[in-house]
């Protein structure tokens, strides 16, 4: 990740912004995303881990490719 948020406040703003963007598009964030986002906001996982978890959820089984 290029510029990860480093303070609790910055992580919370990043999560709120990302979640708001998803909802603004008329989508509903998954429970898994919301759980992971809270882990990130709380500082229990890094931004890279957050991305890795999301990619793993959307990967085609048995490949390294994201599902399309």
C-alpha atoms as a PDB file:
ATOM      1  CA  UNK A   1       0.000   0.000   0.000  1.00  0.00           C
ATOM      2  CA  UNK A   2       1.345   3.369  -0.922  1.00  0.00           C
ATOM      3  CA  UNK A   3       0.383   5.641   1.993  1.00  0.00           C
ATOM      4  CA  UNK A   4      -1.179   3.598   4.780  1.00  0.00           C
ATOM      5  CA  UNK A   5      -2.963   5.468   7.528  1.00  0.00           C
ATOM      6  CA  UNK A   6      -0.772   5.386  10.614  1.00  0.00           C
ATOM      7  CA  UNK A   7      -2.900   6.857  13.389  1.00  0.00           C
ATOM      8  CA  UNK A   8      -6.120   5.417  14.781  1.00  0.00           C
ATOM      9  CA  UNK A   9      -7.974   8.509  13.587  1.00  0.00           C
ATOM     10  CA  UNK A  10      -6.554   8.215  10.067  1.00  0.00           C
ATOM     11  CA  UNK A  11      -7.394   4.498   9.901  1.00  0.00           C
ATOM     12  CA  UNK A  12     -10.963   5.232  11.031  1.00  0.00           C
ATOM     13  CA  UNK A  13     -11.337   7.979   8.405  1.00  0.00           C
ATOM     14  CA  UNK A  14      -9.983   5.631   5.716  1.00  0.00           C
ATOM     15  CA  UNK A  15     -12.422   2.871   6.690  1.00  0.00           C
ATOM     16  CA  UNK A  16     -15.362   5.269   6.889  1.00  0.00           C
ATOM     17  CA  UNK A  17     -14.472   6.758   3.511  1.00  0.00           C
ATOM     18  CA  UNK A  18     -14.105   3.373   1.807  1.00  0.00           C
ATOM     19  CA  UNK A  19     -17.325   2.047   3.324  1.00  0.00           C
ATOM     20  CA  UNK A  20     -19.159   5.223   2.374  1.00  0.00           C
ATOM     21  CA  UNK A  21     -17.930   4.926  -1.208  1.00  0.00           C
ATOM     22  CA  UNK A  22     -19.222   1.363  -1.453  1.00  0.00           C
ATOM     23  CA  UNK A  23     -22.613   2.410  -0.087  1.00  0.00           C
ATOM     24  CA  UNK A  24     -22.740   5.477  -2.363  1.00  0.00           C
ATOM     25  CA  UNK A  25     -22.484   3.092  -5.305  1.00  0.00           C
ATOM     26  CA  UNK A  26     -25.617   1.353  -4.028  1.00  0.00           C
ATOM     27  CA  UNK A  27     -23.718  -1.686  -2.770  1.00  0.00           C
ATOM     28  CA  UNK A  28     -23.737  -3.302   0.641  1.00  0.00           C
ATOM     29  CA  UNK A  29     -20.387  -4.171   2.216  1.00  0.00           C
ATOM     30  CA  UNK A  30     -20.111  -7.811   3.248  1.00  0.00           C
ATOM     31  CA  UNK A  31     -20.001  -8.815   6.884  1.00  0.00           C
ATOM     32  CA  UNK A  32     -16.493 -10.137   6.266  1.00  0.00           C
ATOM     33  CA  UNK A  33     -15.339  -6.768   4.914  1.00  0.00           C
ATOM     34  CA  UNK A  34     -16.895  -4.908   7.831  1.00  0.00           C
ATOM     35  CA  UNK A  35     -15.163  -7.231  10.304  1.00  0.00           C
ATOM     36  CA  UNK A  36     -11.813  -6.838   8.553  1.00  0.00           C
ATOM     37  CA  UNK A  37     -12.265  -3.073   8.286  1.00  0.00           C
ATOM     38  CA  UNK A  38     -12.880  -2.858  12.023  1.00  0.00           C
ATOM     39  CA  UNK A  39      -9.743  -4.940  12.647  1.00  0.00           C
ATOM     40  CA  UNK A  40      -7.788  -2.463  10.523  1.00  0.00           C
ATOM     41  CA  UNK A  41      -9.356   0.604  12.133  1.00  0.00           C
ATOM     42  CA  UNK A  42      -8.478  -0.811  15.557  1.00  0.00           C
ATOM     43  CA  UNK A  43      -4.871  -1.354  14.475  1.00  0.00           C
ATOM     44  CA  UNK A  44      -5.001  -5.142  14.816  1.00  0.00           C
ATOM     45  CA  UNK A  45      -4.125  -5.723  11.152  1.00  0.00           C
ATOM     46  CA  UNK A  46      -2.169  -3.679   8.601  1.00  0.00           C
ATOM     47  CA  UNK A  47      -3.511  -2.134   5.413  1.00  0.00           C
ATOM     48  CA  UNK A  48      -1.663  -4.816   3.457  1.00  0.00           C
ATOM     49  CA  UNK A  49      -3.389  -7.538   5.497  1.00  0.00           C
ATOM     50  CA  UNK A  50      -6.754  -5.881   4.871  1.00  0.00           C
ATOM     51  CA  UNK A  51      -6.118  -5.976   1.119  1.00  0.00           C
ATOM     52  CA  UNK A  52      -4.821  -9.558   1.250  1.00  0.00           C
ATOM     53  CA  UNK A  53      -7.973 -10.715   3.031  1.00  0.00           C
ATOM     54  CA  UNK A  54     -10.210  -8.995   0.481  1.00  0.00           C
ATOM     55  CA  UNK A  55      -8.249 -10.447  -2.432  1.00  0.00           C
ATOM     56  CA  UNK A  56      -8.391 -13.934  -0.901  1.00  0.00           C
ATOM     57  CA  UNK A  57     -12.182 -13.699  -0.580  1.00  0.00           C
ATOM     58  CA  UNK A  58     -12.557 -12.756  -4.233  1.00  0.00           C
ATOM     59  CA  UNK A  59      -9.940 -15.042  -5.752  1.00  0.00           C
ATOM     60  CA  UNK A  60     -10.929 -17.813  -8.121  1.00  0.00           C
ATOM     61  CA  UNK A  61     -10.409 -21.047  -6.130  1.00  0.00           C
ATOM     62  CA  UNK A  62      -7.134 -22.732  -6.970  1.00  0.00           C
ATOM     63  CA  UNK A  63      -5.625 -19.668  -8.675  1.00  0.00           C
ATOM     64  CA  UNK A  64      -3.976 -16.403  -7.854  1.00  0.00           C
ATOM     65  CA  UNK A  65      -6.429 -14.558 -10.087  1.00  0.00           C
ATOM     66  CA  UNK A  66      -9.268 -12.428  -8.751  1.00  0.00           C
ATOM     67  CA  UNK A  67     -12.769 -13.519  -9.634  1.00  0.00           C
ATOM     68  CA  UNK A  68     -14.349 -11.533 -12.465  1.00  0.00           C
END
